[in-house]
């Protein structure tokens, strides 16, 4: 059937129930749909809830679709004046719940990591599924579009969906989905299931001739959905007293920095206002203008302030102030607020389809952004603690991206360093500075480290100049010497760029693709950015794939053999666990072994694992 009236038309016309979308109020209807699921080759499922918190959200209804253009909505938890009688949760569990479980291997959803725990808490177990359209789109092309349903419908089906806010309102006028009129809710929810089904059919046909990407979905992304749902549900415990004390100290430091800034500026101003900062720095204090914004204003961004702070006091204070204010608002204040009142733990949400390279990201809190190099950042990690009688384990891949570089480039010097367990930065320094490895100074090692990491991001001599604060010619000399000694790396970088210009994409070891539409762009800056991405994505993306596979392997083992050990966080190349003290040593040994055996590279994968009374101590 054709899609319903385009939503460009008068909104009021779409509120009556679309003839192909049914609301189910009786057991007869449920039994009919149970039969449809049994007879289907695949079906779409979606849940409606009264909140986005998978730990506490109540199920308001379930929508299903077995053929394009139609669908049903089973209301359970709507409550408003004159609301019709709905089926009980018990009836839904017994009839349709059992049918969903029997047919779980045919289920298709959009972001099932949300639906699985909701259904589970309401007595319906979706322990396997056929596909997730969000992840299909992400693996097919991570950068073509964002991967939320509304965007996907527009991009792949040229269809404008009814938005959540169309039915619930926005801001202060927003109502809970439970208060939405069932007829309006049914239109919206059944459409979600219908569109999910259409997206599945469309994306499935696009993935047909892409065996590498289909395999990645099946072996990595789909199993990871269940693992991440478990990690999110496990949550992490924080020490609220420690955090609130830290908050008070940060507030004191922030106040001192503000006073220092006012003294230099000769009066009070709002440190958080770019406009006022601009006036103080450039009009009042007449500091040199190093960079302008696109609108022609002198810049007050971090990079500009960093350069100014080498010679002037106020920019240095502003930077320090910004760093502490961000830590306070993002972590020490908010971690206390987002603790779940029921579990007394923090449940971060992992985003599986956001970054271009395949890395996971997390929100509320964003665990990836806790600074590790500063004392203040380490103190935030100290506030992550285990339950009484438990201990924390942190396991971290050592220099995984450089190891992948050695594996992919087959460079003999890099391979030699890793195979002989040499300190890779000292080894590079020995080559670049033509010195014995024993005689390398900390300064030389730091330079070599900047080169090693810089190359993975396609850094030029200009970038190295800035990072090491050395003359351009010297930086160029370092890079030239490096490429003379590391011919394999040089060849890998050149070949990767050439191949990318031809294919318009690069791939990770496990077949994840990053498309590079601008690799042949006429605009130099855009082209160079795409070239840098071409070098970095196979390294960062392969590292992401490897840790995802490690999470799947470890979760499988723990859920079968060591249920008391919980995986509680993932941050870049690090996994964090909580374990009873008496089995922590054994768990640590197992985790380390499994991480190191996750992928077979030409050189050893090494995981550093430690135990501690808090996250910082274990890391």
Protein backbone atom coordinates (compact mmCIF):
# COMPACT_ATOMS: atom_id res chain seq x y z
CA UNK A 1 0.00 0.00 0.00
CA UNK A 2 1.16 3.57 -0.66
CA UNK A 3 2.54 5.51 2.30
CA UNK A 4 -0.10 7.58 4.07
CA UNK A 5 -0.72 11.23 3.32
CA UNK A 6 2.47 13.22 3.18
CA UNK A 7 2.95 15.05 6.45
CA UNK A 8 3.50 18.26 4.47
CA UNK A 9 -0.30 18.57 4.43
CA UNK A 10 -2.51 19.85 7.22
CA UNK A 11 -1.45 18.09 10.41
CA UNK A 12 -5.02 17.52 11.65
CA UNK A 13 -5.71 15.16 8.76
CA UNK A 14 -3.19 12.61 10.01
CA UNK A 15 -4.69 12.25 13.51
CA UNK A 16 -7.43 9.79 12.53
CA UNK A 17 -6.13 6.23 12.52
CA UNK A 18 -4.52 5.29 9.22
CA UNK A 19 -6.65 2.48 7.78
CA UNK A 20 -3.61 0.19 7.56
CA UNK A 21 -2.54 0.82 11.16
CA UNK A 22 -4.56 -1.02 13.80
CA UNK A 23 -4.80 -0.50 17.56
CA UNK A 24 -5.34 -3.81 19.37
CA UNK A 25 -7.71 -3.88 22.35
CA UNK A 26 -8.71 -7.56 22.65
CA UNK A 27 -7.24 -11.05 22.88
CA UNK A 28 -8.66 -11.97 19.48
CA UNK A 29 -6.51 -9.24 17.89
CA UNK A 30 -3.46 -10.42 19.82
CA UNK A 31 -3.96 -14.02 18.63
CA UNK A 32 -4.29 -12.85 15.02
CA UNK A 33 -0.97 -10.99 15.32
CA UNK A 34 0.70 -13.95 17.07
CA UNK A 35 -0.28 -16.04 14.01
CA UNK A 36 1.06 -13.34 11.65
CA UNK A 37 4.42 -13.42 13.47
CA UNK A 38 4.55 -17.23 13.23
CA UNK A 39 3.89 -17.09 9.49
CA UNK A 40 6.22 -14.17 8.71
CA UNK A 41 9.76 -14.41 7.32
CA UNK A 42 10.68 -11.35 9.42
CA UNK A 43 8.82 -8.73 11.44
CA UNK A 44 9.56 -5.30 12.90
CA UNK A 45 9.11 -4.52 16.59
CA UNK A 46 9.25 -1.25 18.51
CA UNK A 47 8.42 -0.22 22.07
CA UNK A 48 6.87 2.99 23.39
CA UNK A 49 7.78 3.99 26.95
CA UNK A 50 7.23 6.82 29.41
CA UNK A 51 10.96 7.68 29.57
CA UNK A 52 14.30 7.04 27.86
CA UNK A 53 15.88 5.46 30.93
CA UNK A 54 16.07 1.72 30.23
CA UNK A 55 16.50 0.96 33.94
CA UNK A 56 13.19 2.49 35.07
CA UNK A 57 11.06 3.20 31.97
CA UNK A 58 7.56 1.71 31.96
CA UNK A 59 6.26 0.03 28.82
CA UNK A 60 3.36 2.04 27.34
CA UNK A 61 2.86 -0.05 24.22
CA UNK A 62 4.37 -2.35 21.58
CA UNK A 63 4.13 -1.92 17.81
CA UNK A 64 4.60 -4.63 15.18
CA UNK A 65 4.71 -4.87 11.40
CA UNK A 66 4.90 -7.90 9.12
CA UNK A 67 4.40 -6.25 5.73
CA UNK A 68 5.25 -2.84 4.33
CA UNK A 69 2.52 -0.21 4.59
CA UNK A 70 0.68 -1.67 7.57
CA UNK A 71 1.24 -2.35 11.26
CA UNK A 72 -0.38 -2.58 14.66
CA UNK A 73 -0.04 -0.92 18.03
CA UNK A 74 -0.78 -2.72 21.31
CA UNK A 75 -1.44 -0.07 23.97
CA UNK A 76 -0.76 -1.19 27.56
CA UNK A 77 0.02 1.84 29.71
CA UNK A 78 -1.92 4.83 28.39
CA UNK A 79 -3.67 6.87 31.08
CA UNK A 80 -5.82 9.93 30.41
CA UNK A 81 -9.45 10.98 30.87
CA UNK A 82 -11.90 8.66 29.03
CA UNK A 83 -9.00 6.42 27.96
CA UNK A 84 -10.37 3.16 26.47
CA UNK A 85 -9.87 -0.15 28.30
CA UNK A 86 -6.49 -1.65 27.32
CA UNK A 87 -5.12 -5.18 27.46
CA UNK A 88 -3.30 -6.13 30.65
CA UNK A 89 0.47 -6.71 30.64
CA UNK A 90 -0.28 -10.34 31.60
CA UNK A 91 -2.45 -10.89 28.50
CA UNK A 92 0.19 -9.27 26.30
CA UNK A 93 3.01 -11.37 27.81
CA UNK A 94 1.05 -14.61 27.48
CA UNK A 95 -0.17 -14.23 23.92
CA UNK A 96 2.01 -11.85 21.90
CA UNK A 97 5.02 -12.02 24.25
CA UNK A 98 5.33 -15.77 23.72
CA UNK A 99 4.98 -15.27 19.93
CA UNK A 100 7.73 -12.63 19.97
CA UNK A 101 10.01 -15.01 21.91
CA UNK A 102 9.29 -17.95 19.58
CA UNK A 103 10.07 -15.79 16.57
CA UNK A 104 12.92 -13.74 18.09
CA UNK A 105 15.33 -14.84 15.34
CA UNK A 106 13.09 -13.00 12.80
CA UNK A 107 12.85 -9.75 14.78
CA UNK A 108 14.01 -6.48 13.23
CA UNK A 109 14.30 -3.24 15.20
CA UNK A 110 15.78 0.25 15.11
CA UNK A 111 18.20 0.68 18.04
CA UNK A 112 17.24 -2.59 19.74
CA UNK A 113 19.69 -1.88 22.56
CA UNK A 114 16.89 0.29 23.95
CA UNK A 115 14.00 -2.16 23.36
CA UNK A 116 15.69 -5.36 24.61
CA UNK A 117 16.05 -4.31 28.29
CA UNK A 118 12.58 -2.68 28.31
CA UNK A 119 10.92 -5.86 27.00
CA UNK A 120 12.99 -8.02 29.35
CA UNK A 121 11.85 -6.04 32.41
CA UNK A 122 8.27 -6.54 31.25
CA UNK A 123 8.60 -10.30 30.89
CA UNK A 124 9.43 -10.64 27.17
CA UNK A 125 12.88 -11.96 26.30
CA UNK A 126 14.36 -10.91 22.96
CA UNK A 127 17.60 -12.82 23.45
CA UNK A 128 18.35 -12.89 19.72
CA UNK A 129 17.23 -10.89 16.69
CA UNK A 130 17.59 -10.80 12.92
CA UNK A 131 18.67 -7.21 12.30
CA UNK A 132 18.94 -3.66 13.61
CA UNK A 133 18.34 -1.01 10.95
CA UNK A 134 20.36 1.63 12.79
CA UNK A 135 23.43 -0.63 12.71
CA UNK A 136 22.79 -1.76 9.13
CA UNK A 137 22.90 1.86 8.00
CA UNK A 138 25.94 2.58 10.18
CA UNK A 139 27.96 -0.35 8.83
CA UNK A 140 26.84 0.29 5.25
CA UNK A 141 28.10 3.89 5.38
CA UNK A 142 28.85 5.56 8.70
CA UNK A 143 29.03 9.11 7.31
CA UNK A 144 26.28 9.23 4.64
CA UNK A 145 23.62 10.25 7.17
CA UNK A 146 22.94 10.21 10.90
CA UNK A 147 21.35 6.92 11.89
CA UNK A 148 18.20 7.86 13.83
CA UNK A 149 14.95 6.62 12.31
CA UNK A 150 13.64 9.98 11.09
CA UNK A 151 16.89 10.67 9.23
CA UNK A 152 17.08 7.15 7.77
CA UNK A 153 13.49 7.30 6.51
CA UNK A 154 14.24 10.56 4.72
CA UNK A 155 17.61 9.42 3.36
CA UNK A 156 16.76 5.87 2.23
CA UNK A 157 12.97 6.01 1.67
CA UNK A 158 12.43 9.70 0.91
CA UNK A 159 9.69 9.57 3.55
CA UNK A 160 8.92 12.15 6.23
CA UNK A 161 7.95 10.41 9.48
CA UNK A 162 5.74 11.74 12.24
CA UNK A 163 8.21 13.02 14.86
CA UNK A 164 7.95 12.16 18.56
CA UNK A 165 7.41 15.85 19.36
CA UNK A 166 4.48 15.97 16.87
CA UNK A 167 2.53 13.68 19.20
CA UNK A 168 3.89 14.67 22.63
CA UNK A 169 4.55 18.38 22.17
CA UNK A 170 7.80 20.08 23.16
CA UNK A 171 9.51 21.86 26.06
CA UNK A 172 7.23 22.79 28.97
CA UNK A 173 4.14 21.65 27.05
CA UNK A 174 5.52 18.15 26.45
CA UNK A 175 3.38 15.30 27.79
CA UNK A 176 4.37 11.73 28.55
CA UNK A 177 3.67 9.18 25.81
CA UNK A 178 1.25 7.51 28.27
CA UNK A 179 -0.92 10.64 28.10
CA UNK A 180 -1.10 10.64 24.27
CA UNK A 181 -4.51 9.77 22.83
CA UNK A 182 -4.37 6.10 21.75
CA UNK A 183 -5.52 6.84 18.22
CA UNK A 184 -2.73 9.40 17.71
CA UNK A 185 -0.24 7.11 19.48
CA UNK A 186 -1.21 4.16 17.28
CA UNK A 187 -0.61 6.13 14.10
CA UNK A 188 2.80 7.19 15.34
CA UNK A 189 3.91 3.85 16.82
CA UNK A 190 2.63 1.59 14.03
CA UNK A 191 4.35 3.88 11.55
CA UNK A 192 7.62 3.33 13.45
CA UNK A 193 7.31 -0.43 13.02
CA UNK A 194 6.25 -0.08 9.38
CA UNK A 195 9.17 2.24 8.55
CA UNK A 196 11.60 -0.06 10.37
CA UNK A 197 10.42 -2.93 8.19
CA UNK A 198 10.77 -0.85 4.99
CA UNK A 199 14.24 0.27 6.06
CA UNK A 200 15.24 -3.34 6.71
CA UNK A 201 14.12 -4.41 3.23
CA UNK A 202 15.93 -1.49 1.60
CA UNK A 203 19.17 -1.80 3.59
CA UNK A 204 19.17 -5.56 3.28
CA UNK A 205 19.18 -5.26 -0.52
CA UNK A 206 22.02 -2.70 -0.32
CA UNK A 207 24.07 -5.08 1.86
CA UNK A 208 23.45 -8.12 -0.40
CA UNK A 209 26.66 -7.66 -2.41
CA UNK A 210 28.77 -6.54 0.58
CA UNK A 211 29.81 -9.76 2.34
CA UNK A 212 32.49 -8.04 4.43
CA UNK A 213 30.07 -5.56 5.94
CA UNK A 214 27.36 -8.20 6.45
CA UNK A 215 29.87 -10.36 8.32
CA UNK A 216 30.88 -7.40 10.51
CA UNK A 217 27.22 -6.88 11.43
CA UNK A 218 26.66 -10.53 12.28
CA UNK A 219 29.94 -11.15 14.11
CA UNK A 220 30.55 -7.83 15.87
CA UNK A 221 27.77 -5.23 15.89
CA UNK A 222 24.76 -7.48 16.58
CA UNK A 223 26.29 -9.57 19.40
CA UNK A 224 27.63 -6.31 20.88
CA UNK A 225 24.06 -4.98 21.29
CA UNK A 226 23.42 -7.58 24.01
CA UNK A 227 26.83 -6.96 25.63
CA UNK A 228 26.32 -3.18 25.78
CA UNK A 229 22.81 -3.62 27.18
CA UNK A 230 24.37 -5.73 29.97
CA UNK A 231 27.21 -3.24 30.63
CA UNK A 232 24.71 -0.37 30.79
CA UNK A 233 22.45 -2.30 33.17
CA UNK A 234 25.42 -3.23 35.40
CA UNK A 235 26.30 0.44 35.84
CA UNK A 236 29.09 1.83 38.01
CA UNK A 237 29.11 2.98 41.60
CA UNK A 238 30.41 6.43 42.55
CA UNK A 239 31.47 7.88 45.89
CA UNK A 240 29.14 10.87 46.27
CA UNK A 241 30.95 12.32 49.29
CA UNK A 242 34.24 12.31 47.42
CA UNK A 243 32.59 13.99 44.43
CA UNK A 244 30.89 16.72 46.42
CA UNK A 245 34.14 17.50 48.30
CA UNK A 246 35.93 17.67 44.98
CA UNK A 247 33.20 19.99 43.65
CA UNK A 248 33.70 22.36 46.58
CA UNK A 249 37.46 22.44 46.01
CA UNK A 250 36.98 23.09 42.31
CA UNK A 251 34.58 25.95 43.15
CA UNK A 252 37.27 27.48 45.39
CA UNK A 253 39.94 27.15 42.69
CA UNK A 254 37.58 28.60 40.09
CA UNK A 255 36.94 31.60 42.35
CA UNK A 256 40.67 32.21 42.85
CA UNK A 257 41.27 32.05 39.08
CA UNK A 258 38.36 34.45 38.46
CA UNK A 259 39.85 36.98 40.92
CA UNK A 260 43.27 36.69 39.25
CA UNK A 261 41.63 37.29 35.86
CA UNK A 262 39.77 40.37 37.18
CA UNK A 263 43.02 41.79 38.60
CA UNK A 264 44.81 41.50 35.26
CA UNK A 265 41.79 42.83 33.34
CA UNK A 266 41.38 45.72 35.76
CA UNK A 267 37.77 44.89 36.55
CA UNK A 268 35.16 42.13 36.66
CA UNK A 269 33.85 40.49 33.48
CA UNK A 270 32.06 37.25 32.59
CA UNK A 271 34.77 34.66 31.92
CA UNK A 272 32.24 32.43 30.13
CA UNK A 273 31.26 35.11 27.62
CA UNK A 274 33.36 35.03 24.41
CA UNK A 275 32.14 38.55 23.63
CA UNK A 276 33.38 40.02 26.94
CA UNK A 277 36.60 38.00 26.77
CA UNK A 278 37.24 39.35 23.28
CA UNK A 279 36.85 42.94 24.54
CA UNK A 280 39.22 42.35 27.47
CA UNK A 281 41.92 40.51 25.52
CA UNK A 282 42.01 42.49 22.31
CA UNK A 283 40.52 45.93 23.02
CA UNK A 284 41.53 46.53 26.63
CA UNK A 285 44.82 44.59 26.89
CA UNK A 286 45.69 44.91 23.17
CA UNK A 287 46.99 41.34 22.82
CA UNK A 288 48.09 40.35 19.30
CA UNK A 289 45.33 38.94 17.07
CA UNK A 290 46.61 35.53 15.92
CA UNK A 291 43.44 34.20 14.34
CA UNK A 292 40.02 35.45 13.28
CA UNK A 293 36.66 33.70 13.26
CA UNK A 294 34.78 33.29 9.94
CA UNK A 295 32.87 36.45 10.90
CA UNK A 296 36.12 38.41 11.16
CA UNK A 297 36.21 38.63 14.96
CA UNK A 298 39.46 37.91 16.82
CA UNK A 299 39.34 34.27 18.01
CA UNK A 300 39.05 33.19 21.65
CA UNK A 301 39.10 29.44 20.93
CA UNK A 302 41.29 27.03 22.84
CA UNK A 303 44.05 26.77 20.24
CA UNK A 304 44.41 30.57 20.02
CA UNK A 305 44.41 30.97 23.80
CA UNK A 306 47.07 28.24 24.08
CA UNK A 307 49.36 30.12 21.73
CA UNK A 308 48.73 33.42 23.52
CA UNK A 309 49.28 31.81 26.92
CA UNK A 310 52.92 31.12 26.03
CA UNK A 311 53.56 34.84 26.50
CA UNK A 312 50.58 36.27 28.37
CA UNK A 313 49.13 35.47 31.78
CA UNK A 314 45.39 36.04 31.23
CA UNK A 315 44.89 33.48 28.43
CA UNK A 316 46.64 30.89 30.61
CA UNK A 317 44.25 31.64 33.50
CA UNK A 318 41.23 31.49 31.17
CA UNK A 319 42.30 28.06 29.88
CA UNK A 320 42.76 26.73 33.40
CA UNK A 321 39.43 28.23 34.43
CA UNK A 322 37.64 26.63 31.46
CA UNK A 323 39.17 23.22 32.21
CA UNK A 324 38.10 23.25 35.86
CA UNK A 325 34.63 24.69 35.15
CA UNK A 326 34.03 21.93 32.59
CA UNK A 327 35.14 19.20 35.01
CA UNK A 328 32.87 20.63 37.69
CA UNK A 329 29.74 20.93 35.55
CA UNK A 330 30.24 17.77 33.48
CA UNK A 331 31.48 15.42 36.17
CA UNK A 332 31.72 16.33 39.86
CA UNK A 333 28.30 18.06 39.91
CA UNK A 334 26.44 15.94 37.37
CA UNK A 335 27.65 12.45 38.37
CA UNK A 336 25.89 12.91 41.70
CA UNK A 337 22.69 13.99 39.94
CA UNK A 338 22.57 11.15 37.42
CA UNK A 339 22.92 8.35 39.93
CA UNK A 340 19.90 6.08 39.52
CA UNK A 341 17.73 6.27 42.68
CA UNK A 342 16.79 2.58 42.40
CA UNK A 343 20.16 0.98 41.72
CA UNK A 344 22.32 3.66 43.40
CA UNK A 345 24.63 3.37 40.40
CA UNK A 346 25.38 5.40 37.27
CA UNK A 347 24.22 3.89 33.98
CA UNK A 348 26.01 5.47 31.04
CA UNK A 349 24.54 5.02 27.57
CA UNK A 350 26.83 3.67 24.84
CA UNK A 351 26.39 5.02 21.32
CA UNK A 352 27.14 2.35 18.76
CA UNK A 353 26.39 4.35 15.61
CA UNK A 354 27.93 7.79 16.09
CA UNK A 355 31.66 7.95 15.31
CA UNK A 356 32.85 7.64 11.71
CA UNK A 357 35.52 5.01 12.53
CA UNK A 358 33.55 2.46 14.56
CA UNK A 359 34.60 3.58 18.02
CA UNK A 360 31.99 3.53 20.75
CA UNK A 361 31.06 6.79 22.45
CA UNK A 362 29.10 7.29 25.64
CA UNK A 363 26.70 9.86 27.08
CA UNK A 364 25.44 10.73 30.56
CA UNK A 365 28.20 10.58 31.56
CA UNK A 366 30.63 10.79 28.66
CA UNK A 367 33.31 8.48 30.03
CA UNK A 368 35.65 9.10 27.10
CA UNK A 369 36.25 12.73 28.03
CA UNK A 370 37.47 12.35 31.61
CA UNK A 371 41.02 13.71 31.29
CA UNK A 372 43.58 11.11 32.27
CA UNK A 373 46.72 13.24 32.16
CA UNK A 374 45.65 15.75 34.81
CA UNK A 375 45.51 15.26 38.57
CA UNK A 376 41.95 16.67 38.57
CA UNK A 377 40.84 14.11 35.97
CA UNK A 378 42.44 11.27 37.93
CA UNK A 379 40.54 12.38 41.01
CA UNK A 380 37.28 11.93 39.13
CA UNK A 381 38.33 8.36 38.32
CA UNK A 382 39.05 7.86 42.02
CA UNK A 383 35.36 8.48 42.73
CA UNK A 384 34.39 5.37 40.71
CA UNK A 385 34.41 2.63 43.35
CA UNK A 386 33.29 -0.99 43.75
CA UNK A 387 30.59 -2.33 46.08
CA UNK A 388 31.76 -3.54 49.49
CA UNK A 389 33.73 -6.79 49.18
CA UNK A 390 34.47 -6.11 45.50
CA UNK A 391 37.47 -4.68 43.69
CA UNK A 392 37.99 -2.93 40.34
CA UNK A 393 39.92 -4.42 37.42
CA UNK A 394 41.09 -2.29 34.50
CA UNK A 395 42.55 -3.83 31.35
CA UNK A 396 43.93 -1.63 28.62
CA UNK A 397 45.38 -2.46 25.21
CA UNK A 398 48.95 -1.21 25.06
CA UNK A 399 49.70 1.00 22.02
CA UNK A 400 47.16 -0.92 19.96
CA UNK A 401 47.01 1.53 17.04
CA UNK A 402 50.79 1.52 16.62
CA UNK A 403 50.73 -2.28 16.75
CA UNK A 404 48.08 -2.29 14.02
CA UNK A 405 50.29 0.11 12.01
CA UNK A 406 53.14 -2.41 12.36
CA UNK A 407 50.81 -5.25 11.31
CA UNK A 408 49.41 -3.43 8.27
CA UNK A 409 52.65 -1.82 7.07
CA UNK A 410 54.85 -4.88 7.79
CA UNK A 411 57.59 -2.33 8.58
CA UNK A 412 60.62 -4.25 9.76
CA UNK A 413 61.87 -1.74 12.36
CA UNK A 414 58.45 -1.28 13.93
CA UNK A 415 57.79 -5.03 13.86
CA UNK A 416 61.22 -5.70 15.40
CA UNK A 417 60.49 -3.31 18.28
CA UNK A 418 57.16 -4.96 19.12
CA UNK A 419 58.32 -8.54 18.61
CA UNK A 420 61.27 -7.94 20.92
CA UNK A 421 59.21 -6.10 23.50
CA UNK A 422 61.31 -2.93 23.18
CA UNK A 423 59.94 0.43 24.26
CA UNK A 424 58.64 1.52 20.86
CA UNK A 425 59.14 5.26 21.39
CA UNK A 426 62.73 4.82 22.57
CA UNK A 427 63.30 2.48 19.64
CA UNK A 428 61.98 5.15 17.23
CA UNK A 429 64.13 7.79 18.95
CA UNK A 430 67.21 5.58 18.50
CA UNK A 431 66.46 5.41 14.75
CA UNK A 432 65.59 9.10 14.25
CA UNK A 433 68.45 10.48 16.36
CA UNK A 434 70.87 7.74 15.32
CA UNK A 435 71.75 6.96 18.93
CA UNK A 436 72.01 3.82 21.03
CA UNK A 437 68.60 2.97 22.59
CA UNK A 438 70.21 2.99 26.06
CA UNK A 439 71.38 6.60 25.60
CA UNK A 440 68.02 8.12 24.60
CA UNK A 441 67.06 11.20 26.64
CA UNK A 442 63.48 11.76 27.89
CA UNK A 443 63.31 14.74 25.50
CA UNK A 444 64.26 12.56 22.51
CA UNK A 445 61.72 9.93 23.53
CA UNK A 446 59.02 12.61 23.77
CA UNK A 447 59.85 13.79 20.24
CA UNK A 448 59.74 10.22 18.91
CA UNK A 449 56.39 9.65 20.62
CA UNK A 450 55.01 12.77 18.93
CA UNK A 451 56.20 11.43 15.58
CA UNK A 452 54.76 7.93 16.18
CA UNK A 453 51.35 9.23 17.18
CA UNK A 454 51.40 12.12 14.73
CA UNK A 455 51.90 9.81 11.76
CA UNK A 456 48.77 7.88 12.67
CA UNK A 457 46.81 11.09 12.25
CA UNK A 458 48.62 12.05 9.04
CA UNK A 459 50.54 14.85 10.74
CA UNK A 460 52.81 17.07 8.63
CA UNK A 461 56.06 18.83 9.54
CA UNK A 462 53.94 21.88 10.36
CA UNK A 463 51.95 19.89 12.94
CA UNK A 464 55.14 18.51 14.47
CA UNK A 465 56.62 22.01 14.64
CA UNK A 466 53.66 23.17 16.68
CA UNK A 467 53.57 20.12 18.92
CA UNK A 468 57.26 20.02 19.82
CA UNK A 469 57.80 23.78 19.58
CA UNK A 470 60.79 23.37 17.25
CA UNK A 471 61.75 25.12 13.99
CA UNK A 472 60.01 23.90 10.84
CA UNK A 473 63.27 22.73 9.23
CA UNK A 474 64.11 20.61 12.25
CA UNK A 475 60.66 18.99 12.24
CA UNK A 476 61.02 18.24 8.53
CA UNK A 477 64.44 16.71 9.22
CA UNK A 478 62.93 14.41 11.89
CA UNK A 479 60.21 13.23 9.52
CA UNK A 480 62.63 12.69 6.62
CA UNK A 481 64.91 10.59 8.83
CA UNK A 482 61.91 8.66 10.16
CA UNK A 483 60.75 7.74 6.66
CA UNK A 484 64.28 6.74 5.65
CA UNK A 485 64.38 4.29 8.57
CA UNK A 486 60.75 3.18 8.49
CA UNK A 487 60.33 2.51 4.78
CA UNK A 488 57.42 0.12 5.40
CA UNK A 489 55.42 2.84 7.13
CA UNK A 490 56.22 5.28 4.34
CA UNK A 491 55.07 2.79 1.71
CA UNK A 492 51.90 1.96 3.71
CA UNK A 493 50.94 5.66 3.96
CA UNK A 494 51.56 6.27 0.24
CA UNK A 495 49.71 3.12 -0.87
CA UNK A 496 46.79 3.79 1.46
CA UNK A 497 46.30 7.26 -0.03
CA UNK A 498 46.56 5.94 -3.61
CA UNK A 499 44.12 3.09 -3.00
CA UNK A 500 41.70 5.43 -1.22
CA UNK A 501 41.74 7.82 -4.20
CA UNK A 502 40.74 4.90 -6.40
CA UNK A 503 38.21 3.11 -4.14
CA UNK A 504 36.88 6.23 -2.34
CA UNK A 505 36.94 4.22 0.91
CA UNK A 506 39.36 2.52 3.33
CA UNK A 507 38.78 -0.64 5.36
CA UNK A 508 39.71 -1.98 8.79
CA UNK A 509 41.17 -5.44 9.38
CA UNK A 510 37.64 -6.75 10.02
CA UNK A 511 36.10 -5.13 6.94
CA UNK A 512 34.56 -1.95 8.34
CA UNK A 513 34.52 0.77 5.68
CA UNK A 514 34.97 4.50 5.91
CA UNK A 515 33.92 6.31 2.74
CA UNK A 516 36.05 9.32 1.75
CA UNK A 517 34.05 11.47 -0.63
CA UNK A 518 36.56 14.31 -0.57
CA UNK A 519 39.75 12.32 -1.18
CA UNK A 520 39.96 13.76 -4.72
CA UNK A 521 38.52 17.18 -3.86
CA UNK A 522 39.90 20.21 -5.67
CA UNK A 523 39.92 22.09 -2.37
CA UNK A 524 43.32 21.35 -0.80
CA UNK A 525 42.20 21.54 2.83
CA UNK A 526 39.31 19.14 2.29
CA UNK A 527 41.47 16.74 0.31
CA UNK A 528 44.19 16.73 2.99
CA UNK A 529 41.62 16.12 5.73
CA UNK A 530 40.33 13.10 3.77
CA UNK A 531 43.91 11.85 3.27
CA UNK A 532 44.54 12.09 7.01
CA UNK A 533 41.31 10.17 7.66
CA UNK A 534 42.41 7.52 5.13
CA UNK A 535 45.56 6.84 7.13
CA UNK A 536 43.92 7.00 10.55
CA UNK A 537 40.61 5.15 10.01
CA UNK A 538 42.08 1.67 9.37
CA UNK A 539 44.16 2.04 12.56
CA UNK A 540 41.54 3.53 14.86
CA UNK A 541 38.75 1.48 13.29
CA UNK A 542 40.65 -1.82 13.59
CA UNK A 543 41.40 -1.02 17.24
CA UNK A 544 37.68 -0.36 17.78
CA UNK A 545 36.71 -3.64 16.12
CA UNK A 546 39.23 -5.57 18.22
CA UNK A 547 38.01 -4.21 21.57
CA UNK A 548 34.39 -4.82 20.52
CA UNK A 549 35.24 -8.44 19.75
CA UNK A 550 37.08 -8.71 23.09
CA UNK A 551 33.95 -7.45 24.87
CA UNK A 552 31.83 -10.11 23.14
CA UNK A 553 34.31 -12.92 23.95
CA UNK A 554 34.71 -11.85 27.59
CA UNK A 555 30.97 -11.32 28.15
CA UNK A 556 30.25 -14.80 26.78
CA UNK A 557 32.79 -16.34 29.16
CA UNK A 558 31.72 -14.33 32.22
CA UNK A 559 28.00 -15.01 31.77
CA UNK A 560 28.72 -18.74 31.56
CA UNK A 561 31.61 -19.24 34.01
CA UNK A 562 32.02 -16.21 36.30
CA UNK A 563 28.66 -14.54 36.81
CA UNK A 564 29.91 -12.56 39.84
CA UNK A 565 32.36 -10.60 37.65
CA UNK A 566 30.67 -7.65 35.94
CA UNK A 567 31.92 -5.62 32.98
CA UNK A 568 30.96 -2.08 33.98
CA UNK A 569 32.64 0.36 31.54
CA UNK A 570 34.42 0.66 28.20
CA UNK A 571 36.62 3.67 27.43
CA UNK A 572 38.60 3.74 24.16
CA UNK A 573 41.06 0.82 24.51
CA UNK A 574 40.19 0.04 28.13
CA UNK A 575 37.67 -2.31 29.77
CA UNK A 576 36.71 -1.93 33.44
CA UNK A 577 35.28 -4.72 35.61
CA UNK A 578 34.04 -5.16 39.15
CA UNK A 579 34.78 -8.49 40.84
CA UNK A 580 34.60 -10.10 44.29
CA UNK A 581 38.04 -9.75 45.92
CA UNK A 582 38.57 -13.51 46.28
CA UNK A 583 38.37 -14.19 42.52
CA UNK A 584 39.76 -10.87 41.24
CA UNK A 585 43.26 -12.21 40.48
CA UNK A 586 41.85 -15.08 38.46
CA UNK A 587 39.42 -12.76 36.64
CA UNK A 588 42.27 -10.36 35.83
CA UNK A 589 44.36 -13.17 34.37
CA UNK A 590 41.44 -14.36 32.22
CA UNK A 591 40.50 -10.92 30.96
CA UNK A 592 44.11 -10.16 29.99
CA UNK A 593 44.45 -13.50 28.18
CA UNK A 594 41.19 -13.11 26.27
CA UNK A 595 41.97 -9.53 25.21
CA UNK A 596 45.38 -10.61 23.92
CA UNK A 597 43.89 -13.53 21.99
CA UNK A 598 41.01 -11.56 20.42
CA UNK A 599 42.73 -11.00 17.09
CA UNK A 600 45.71 -12.68 15.46
CA UNK A 601 48.10 -10.01 14.25
CA UNK A 602 51.66 -10.46 12.98
CA UNK A 603 52.85 -8.98 16.25
CA UNK A 604 51.63 -9.61 19.79
CA UNK A 605 48.63 -7.75 21.19
CA UNK A 606 49.41 -6.75 24.76
CA UNK A 607 46.84 -5.81 27.43
CA UNK A 608 47.99 -4.19 30.68
CA UNK A 609 45.67 -5.22 33.50
CA UNK A 610 45.61 -4.09 37.12
CA UNK A 611 43.51 -4.32 40.25
CA UNK A 612 42.61 -1.39 42.49
CA UNK A 613 40.27 -0.07 45.17
CA UNK A 614 38.94 2.45 42.61
CA UNK A 615 39.13 3.07 38.88
CA UNK A 616 42.16 5.36 39.09
CA UNK A 617 44.11 2.88 41.20
CA UNK A 618 43.32 0.04 38.79
CA UNK A 619 44.30 2.06 35.73
